[in-house]
Amino acid sequence: MSAIISVFLYLIVLFGVSSILFFSLVSIWSTTEPVIAYLLSLIITHLILNTFGQIGKRDN
């Protein structure tokens, strides 16, 4: 049950942070391909969250 809650929280954080990153990037640079910009912000956010997870596992 805790794994389902962890995955759900991860998805909320992933899409929340990537949406904030997307809207901040689109407000700075105009783009003709917003879907690609959102997917790139989603990938970047996933990589950052994965790196934080690896740092937490390495300390134990």
PDB file of N, CA and C in Angstrom:
ATOM      1  N   MET A   1       0.823  -1.197   0.000  1.00  0.00           N
ATOM      2  CA  MET A   1       0.000   0.000   0.000  1.00  0.00           C
ATOM      3  C   MET A   1       0.865   1.258   0.000  1.00  0.00           C
ATOM      4  N   SER A   2       1.978   1.209   0.730  1.00  0.00           N
ATOM      5  CA  SER A   2       2.846   2.384   0.772  1.00  0.00           C
ATOM      6  C   SER A   2       3.540   2.611  -0.570  1.00  0.00           C
ATOM      7  N   ALA A   3       3.753   1.554  -1.342  1.00  0.00           N
ATOM      8  CA  ALA A   3       4.359   1.721  -2.669  1.00  0.00           C
ATOM      9  C   ALA A   3       3.418   2.468  -3.604  1.00  0.00           C
ATOM     10  N   ILE A   4       2.133   2.194  -3.515  1.00  0.00           N
ATOM     11  CA  ILE A   4       1.154   2.894  -4.355  1.00  0.00           C
ATOM     12  C   ILE A   4       1.114   4.367  -3.995  1.00  0.00           C
ATOM     13  N   ILE A   5       1.157   4.662  -2.703  1.00  0.00           N
ATOM     14  CA  ILE A   5       1.153   6.054  -2.255  1.00  0.00           C
ATOM     15  C   ILE A   5       2.432   6.754  -2.693  1.00  0.00           C
ATOM     16  N   SER A   6       3.567   6.063  -2.616  1.00  0.00           N
ATOM     17  CA  SER A   6       4.838   6.656  -3.049  1.00  0.00           C
ATOM     18  C   SER A   6       4.831   6.964  -4.543  1.00  0.00           C
ATOM     19  N   VAL A   7       4.317   6.050  -5.342  1.00  0.00           N
ATOM     20  CA  VAL A   7       4.245   6.274  -6.792  1.00  0.00           C
ATOM     21  C   VAL A   7       3.305   7.434  -7.100  1.00  0.00           C
ATOM     22  N   PHE A   8       2.174   7.484  -6.412  1.00  0.00           N
ATOM     23  CA  PHE A   8       1.214   8.563  -6.626  1.00  0.00           C
ATOM     24  C   PHE A   8       1.819   9.921  -6.256  1.00  0.00           C
ATOM     25  N   LEU A   9       2.522   9.988  -5.143  1.00  0.00           N
ATOM     26  CA  LEU A   9       3.176  11.241  -4.748  1.00  0.00           C
ATOM     27  C   LEU A   9       4.287  11.622  -5.718  1.00  0.00           C
ATOM     28  N   TYR A  10       5.026  10.634  -6.197  1.00  0.00           N
ATOM     29  CA  TYR A  10       6.072  10.903  -7.174  1.00  0.00           C
ATOM     30  C   TYR A  10       5.486  11.494  -8.452  1.00  0.00           C
ATOM     31  N   LEU A  11       4.384  10.932  -8.923  1.00  0.00           N
ATOM     32  CA  LEU A  11       3.753  11.442 -10.137  1.00  0.00           C
ATOM     33  C   LEU A  11       3.220  12.855  -9.940  1.00  0.00           C
ATOM     34  N   ILE A  12       2.656  13.127  -8.765  1.00  0.00           N
ATOM     35  CA  ILE A  12       2.166  14.474  -8.491  1.00  0.00           C
ATOM     36  C   ILE A  12       3.317  15.471  -8.506  1.00  0.00           C
ATOM     37  N   VAL A  13       4.421  15.119  -7.848  1.00  0.00           N
ATOM     38  CA  VAL A  13       5.585  16.015  -7.822  1.00  0.00           C
ATOM     39  C   VAL A  13       6.177  16.148  -9.217  1.00  0.00           C
ATOM     40  N   LEU A  14       6.268  15.046  -9.948  1.00  0.00           N
ATOM     41  CA  LEU A  14       6.844  15.075 -11.290  1.00  0.00           C
ATOM     42  C   LEU A  14       6.068  15.995 -12.219  1.00  0.00           C
ATOM     43  N   PHE A  15       4.751  15.814 -12.286  1.00  0.00           N
ATOM     44  CA  PHE A  15       3.956  16.643 -13.187  1.00  0.00           C
ATOM     45  C   PHE A  15       3.815  18.073 -12.678  1.00  0.00           C
ATOM     46  N   GLY A  16       3.812  18.265 -11.372  1.00  0.00           N
ATOM     47  CA  GLY A  16       3.724  19.617 -10.821  1.00  0.00           C
ATOM     48  C   GLY A  16       4.957  20.436 -11.123  1.00  0.00           C
ATOM     49  N   VAL A  17       6.116  19.870 -10.829  1.00  0.00           N
ATOM     50  CA  VAL A  17       7.375  20.598 -11.066  1.00  0.00           C
ATOM     51  C   VAL A  17       7.615  20.788 -12.556  1.00  0.00           C
ATOM     52  N   SER A  18       7.313  19.780 -13.363  1.00  0.00           N
ATOM     53  CA  SER A  18       7.529  19.941 -14.802  1.00  0.00           C
ATOM     54  C   SER A  18       6.570  20.965 -15.401  1.00  0.00           C
ATOM     55  N   SER A  19       5.350  21.079 -14.861  1.00  0.00           N
ATOM     56  CA  SER A  19       4.425  22.111 -15.344  1.00  0.00           C
ATOM     57  C   SER A  19       4.919  23.500 -14.976  1.00  0.00           C
ATOM     58  N   ILE A  20       5.427  23.647 -13.768  1.00  0.00           N
ATOM     59  CA  ILE A  20       5.982  24.943 -13.356  1.00  0.00           C
ATOM     60  C   ILE A  20       7.183  25.302 -14.229  1.00  0.00           C
ATOM     61  N   LEU A  21       8.062  24.327 -14.478  1.00  0.00           N
ATOM     62  CA  LEU A  21       9.220  24.564 -15.348  1.00  0.00           C
ATOM     63  C   LEU A  21       8.775  24.910 -16.761  1.00  0.00           C
ATOM     64  N   PHE A  22       7.770  24.207 -17.270  1.00  0.00           N
ATOM     65  CA  PHE A  22       7.268  24.473 -18.617  1.00  0.00           C
ATOM     66  C   PHE A  22       6.719  25.889 -18.734  1.00  0.00           C
ATOM     67  N   PHE A  23       5.858  26.296 -17.792  1.00  0.00           N
ATOM     68  CA  PHE A  23       5.272  27.625 -17.885  1.00  0.00           C
ATOM     69  C   PHE A  23       6.316  28.728 -17.702  1.00  0.00           C
ATOM     70  N   SER A  24       7.328  28.484 -16.883  1.00  0.00           N
ATOM     71  CA  SER A  24       8.375  29.496 -16.743  1.00  0.00           C
ATOM     72  C   SER A  24       9.221  29.580 -18.013  1.00  0.00           C
ATOM     73  N   LEU A  25       9.501  28.444 -18.635  1.00  0.00           N
ATOM     74  CA  LEU A  25      10.278  28.476 -19.875  1.00  0.00           C
ATOM     75  C   LEU A  25       9.500  29.089 -21.026  1.00  0.00           C
ATOM     76  N   VAL A  26       8.210  28.785 -21.117  1.00  0.00           N
ATOM     77  CA  VAL A  26       7.393  29.340 -22.198  1.00  0.00           C
ATOM     78  C   VAL A  26       7.206  30.844 -22.013  1.00  0.00           C
ATOM     79  N   SER A  27       7.164  31.305 -20.767  1.00  0.00           N
ATOM     80  CA  SER A  27       7.035  32.741 -20.551  1.00  0.00           C
ATOM     81  C   SER A  27       8.314  33.483 -20.935  1.00  0.00           C
ATOM     82  N   ILE A  28       9.456  32.808 -20.854  1.00  0.00           N
ATOM     83  CA  ILE A  28      10.727  33.440 -21.226  1.00  0.00           C
ATOM     84  C   ILE A  28      10.949  33.350 -22.734  1.00  0.00           C
ATOM     85  N   TRP A  29      10.811  32.133 -23.273  1.00  0.00           N
ATOM     86  CA  TRP A  29      11.026  31.907 -24.703  1.00  0.00           C
ATOM     87  C   TRP A  29       9.718  31.458 -25.345  1.00  0.00           C
ATOM     88  N   SER A  30       9.351  32.117 -26.409  1.00  0.00           N
ATOM     89  CA  SER A  30       8.151  31.666 -27.128  1.00  0.00           C
ATOM     90  C   SER A  30       8.520  30.452 -27.977  1.00  0.00           C
ATOM     91  N   THR A  31       7.608  29.521 -28.080  1.00  0.00           N
ATOM     92  CA  THR A  31       7.871  28.298 -28.831  1.00  0.00           C
ATOM     93  C   THR A  31       6.690  27.976 -29.735  1.00  0.00           C
ATOM     94  N   THR A  32       6.995  27.340 -30.845  1.00  0.00           N
ATOM     95  CA  THR A  32       5.929  26.897 -31.745  1.00  0.00           C
ATOM     96  C   THR A  32       5.567  25.442 -31.488  1.00  0.00           C
ATOM     97  N   GLU A  33       6.344  24.751 -30.658  1.00  0.00           N
ATOM     98  CA  GLU A  33       6.098  23.346 -30.320  1.00  0.00           C
ATOM     99  C   GLU A  33       5.983  23.194 -28.804  1.00  0.00           C
ATOM    100  N   PRO A  34       4.837  23.532 -28.210  1.00  0.00           N
ATOM    101  CA  PRO A  34       4.722  23.450 -26.758  1.00  0.00           C
ATOM    102  C   PRO A  34       4.741  22.017 -26.215  1.00  0.00           C
ATOM    103  N   VAL A  35       4.319  21.052 -27.034  1.00  0.00           N
ATOM    104  CA  VAL A  35       4.321  19.661 -26.564  1.00  0.00           C
ATOM    105  C   VAL A  35       5.749  19.170 -26.364  1.00  0.00           C
ATOM    106  N   ILE A  36       6.618  19.501 -27.284  1.00  0.00           N
ATOM    107  CA  ILE A  36       8.024  19.100 -27.160  1.00  0.00           C
ATOM    108  C   ILE A  36       8.659  19.799 -25.967  1.00  0.00           C
ATOM    109  N   ALA A  37       8.333  21.054 -25.753  1.00  0.00           N
ATOM    110  CA  ALA A  37       8.874  21.776 -24.607  1.00  0.00           C
ATOM    111  C   ALA A  37       8.398  21.160 -23.297  1.00  0.00           C
ATOM    112  N   TYR A  38       7.126  20.746 -23.239  1.00  0.00           N
ATOM    113  CA  TYR A  38       6.616  20.107 -22.024  1.00  0.00           C
ATOM    114  C   TYR A  38       7.277  18.750 -21.802  1.00  0.00           C
ATOM    115  N   LEU A  39       7.442  17.972 -22.860  1.00  0.00           N
ATOM    116  CA  LEU A  39       8.098  16.674 -22.716  1.00  0.00           C
ATOM    117  C   LEU A  39       9.542  16.825 -22.265  1.00  0.00           C
ATOM    118  N   LEU A  40      10.237  17.827 -22.773  1.00  0.00           N
ATOM    119  CA  LEU A  40      11.605  18.068 -22.337  1.00  0.00           C
ATOM    120  C   LEU A  40      11.657  18.486 -20.872  1.00  0.00           C
ATOM    121  N   SER A  41      10.721  19.309 -20.433  1.00  0.00           N
ATOM    122  CA  SER A  41      10.695  19.686 -19.022  1.00  0.00           C
ATOM    123  C   SER A  41      10.330  18.490 -18.147  1.00  0.00           C
ATOM    124  N   LEU A  42       9.493  17.596 -18.654  1.00  0.00           N
ATOM    125  CA  LEU A  42       9.154  16.370 -17.928  1.00  0.00           C
ATOM    126  C   LEU A  42      10.375  15.463 -17.796  1.00  0.00           C
ATOM    127  N   ILE A  43      11.143  15.327 -18.853  1.00  0.00           N
ATOM    128  CA  ILE A  43      12.357  14.499 -18.818  1.00  0.00           C
ATOM    129  C   ILE A  43      13.385  15.091 -17.869  1.00  0.00           C
ATOM    130  N   ILE A  44      13.581  16.392 -17.925  1.00  0.00           N
ATOM    131  CA  ILE A  44      14.549  17.048 -17.049  1.00  0.00           C
ATOM    132  C   ILE A  44      14.146  16.876 -15.589  1.00  0.00           C
ATOM    133  N   THR A  45      12.869  17.046 -15.302  1.00  0.00           N
ATOM    134  CA  THR A  45      12.391  16.888 -13.928  1.00  0.00           C
ATOM    135  C   THR A  45      12.569  15.451 -13.456  1.00  0.00           C
ATOM    136  N   HIS A  46      12.287  14.485 -14.311  1.00  0.00           N
ATOM    137  CA  HIS A  46      12.476  13.080 -13.945  1.00  0.00           C
ATOM    138  C   HIS A  46      13.948  12.791 -13.646  1.00  0.00           C
ATOM    139  N   LEU A  47      14.844  13.308 -14.467  1.00  0.00           N
ATOM    140  CA  LEU A  47      16.268  13.081 -14.237  1.00  0.00           C
ATOM    141  C   LEU A  47      16.737  13.712 -12.933  1.00  0.00           C
ATOM    142  N   ILE A  48      16.235  14.899 -12.614  1.00  0.00           N
ATOM    143  CA  ILE A  48      16.606  15.560 -11.363  1.00  0.00           C
ATOM    144  C   ILE A  48      16.079  14.776 -10.161  1.00  0.00           C
ATOM    145  N   LEU A  49      14.820  14.336 -10.221  1.00  0.00           N
ATOM    146  CA  LEU A  49      14.258  13.557  -9.119  1.00  0.00           C
ATOM    147  C   LEU A  49      14.979  12.215  -8.972  1.00  0.00           C
ATOM    148  N   ASN A  50      15.355  11.602 -10.079  1.00  0.00           N
ATOM    149  CA  ASN A  50      16.096  10.351 -10.029  1.00  0.00           C
ATOM    150  C   ASN A  50      17.471  10.559  -9.390  1.00  0.00           C
ATOM    151  N   THR A  51      18.111  11.667  -9.701  1.00  0.00           N
ATOM    152  CA  THR A  51      19.415  11.965  -9.107  1.00  0.00           C
ATOM    153  C   THR A  51      19.293  12.167  -7.607  1.00  0.00           C
ATOM    154  N   PHE A  52      18.255  12.875  -7.165  1.00  0.00           N
ATOM    155  CA  PHE A  52      18.044  13.044  -5.727  1.00  0.00           C
ATOM    156  C   PHE A  52      17.778  11.704  -5.053  1.00  0.00           C
ATOM    157  N   GLY A  53      17.072  10.807  -5.720  1.00  0.00           N
ATOM    158  CA  GLY A  53      16.821   9.483  -5.170  1.00  0.00           C
ATOM    159  C   GLY A  53      18.088   8.655  -5.059  1.00  0.00           C
ATOM    160  N   GLN A  54      18.967   8.766  -6.052  1.00  0.00           N
ATOM    161  CA  GLN A  54      20.229   8.036  -6.010  1.00  0.00           C
ATOM    162  C   GLN A  54      21.142   8.570  -4.912  1.00  0.00           C
ATOM    163  N   ILE A  55      21.116   9.863  -4.672  1.00  0.00           N
ATOM    164  CA  ILE A  55      21.922  10.449  -3.599  1.00  0.00           C
ATOM    165  C   ILE A  55      21.436   9.929  -2.256  1.00  0.00           C
ATOM    166  N   GLY A  56      20.116   9.849  -2.082  1.00  0.00           N
ATOM    167  CA  GLY A  56      19.563   9.333  -0.834  1.00  0.00           C
ATOM    168  C   GLY A  56      19.897   7.878  -0.603  1.00  0.00           C
ATOM    169  N   LYS A  57      19.941   7.069  -1.655  1.00  0.00           N
ATOM    170  CA  LYS A  57      20.270   5.653  -1.514  1.00  0.00           C
ATOM    171  C   LYS A  57      21.764   5.452  -1.252  1.00  0.00           C
ATOM    172  N   ARG A  58      22.589   6.320  -1.779  1.00  0.00           N
ATOM    173  CA  ARG A  58      24.028   6.181  -1.635  1.00  0.00           C
ATOM    174  C   ARG A  58      24.484   6.462  -0.210  1.00  0.00           C
ATOM    175  N   ASP A  59      23.780   7.341   0.494  1.00  0.00           N
ATOM    176  CA  ASP A  59      24.169   7.696   1.857  1.00  0.00           C
ATOM    177  C   ASP A  59      23.932   6.568   2.845  1.00  0.00           C
ATOM    178  N   ASN A  60      23.019   5.659   2.553  1.00  0.00           N
ATOM    179  CA  ASN A  60      22.690   4.571   3.503  1.00  0.00           C
ATOM    180  C   ASN A  60      23.694   3.505   3.490  1.00  0.00           C
TER     181      ASN A  60
END
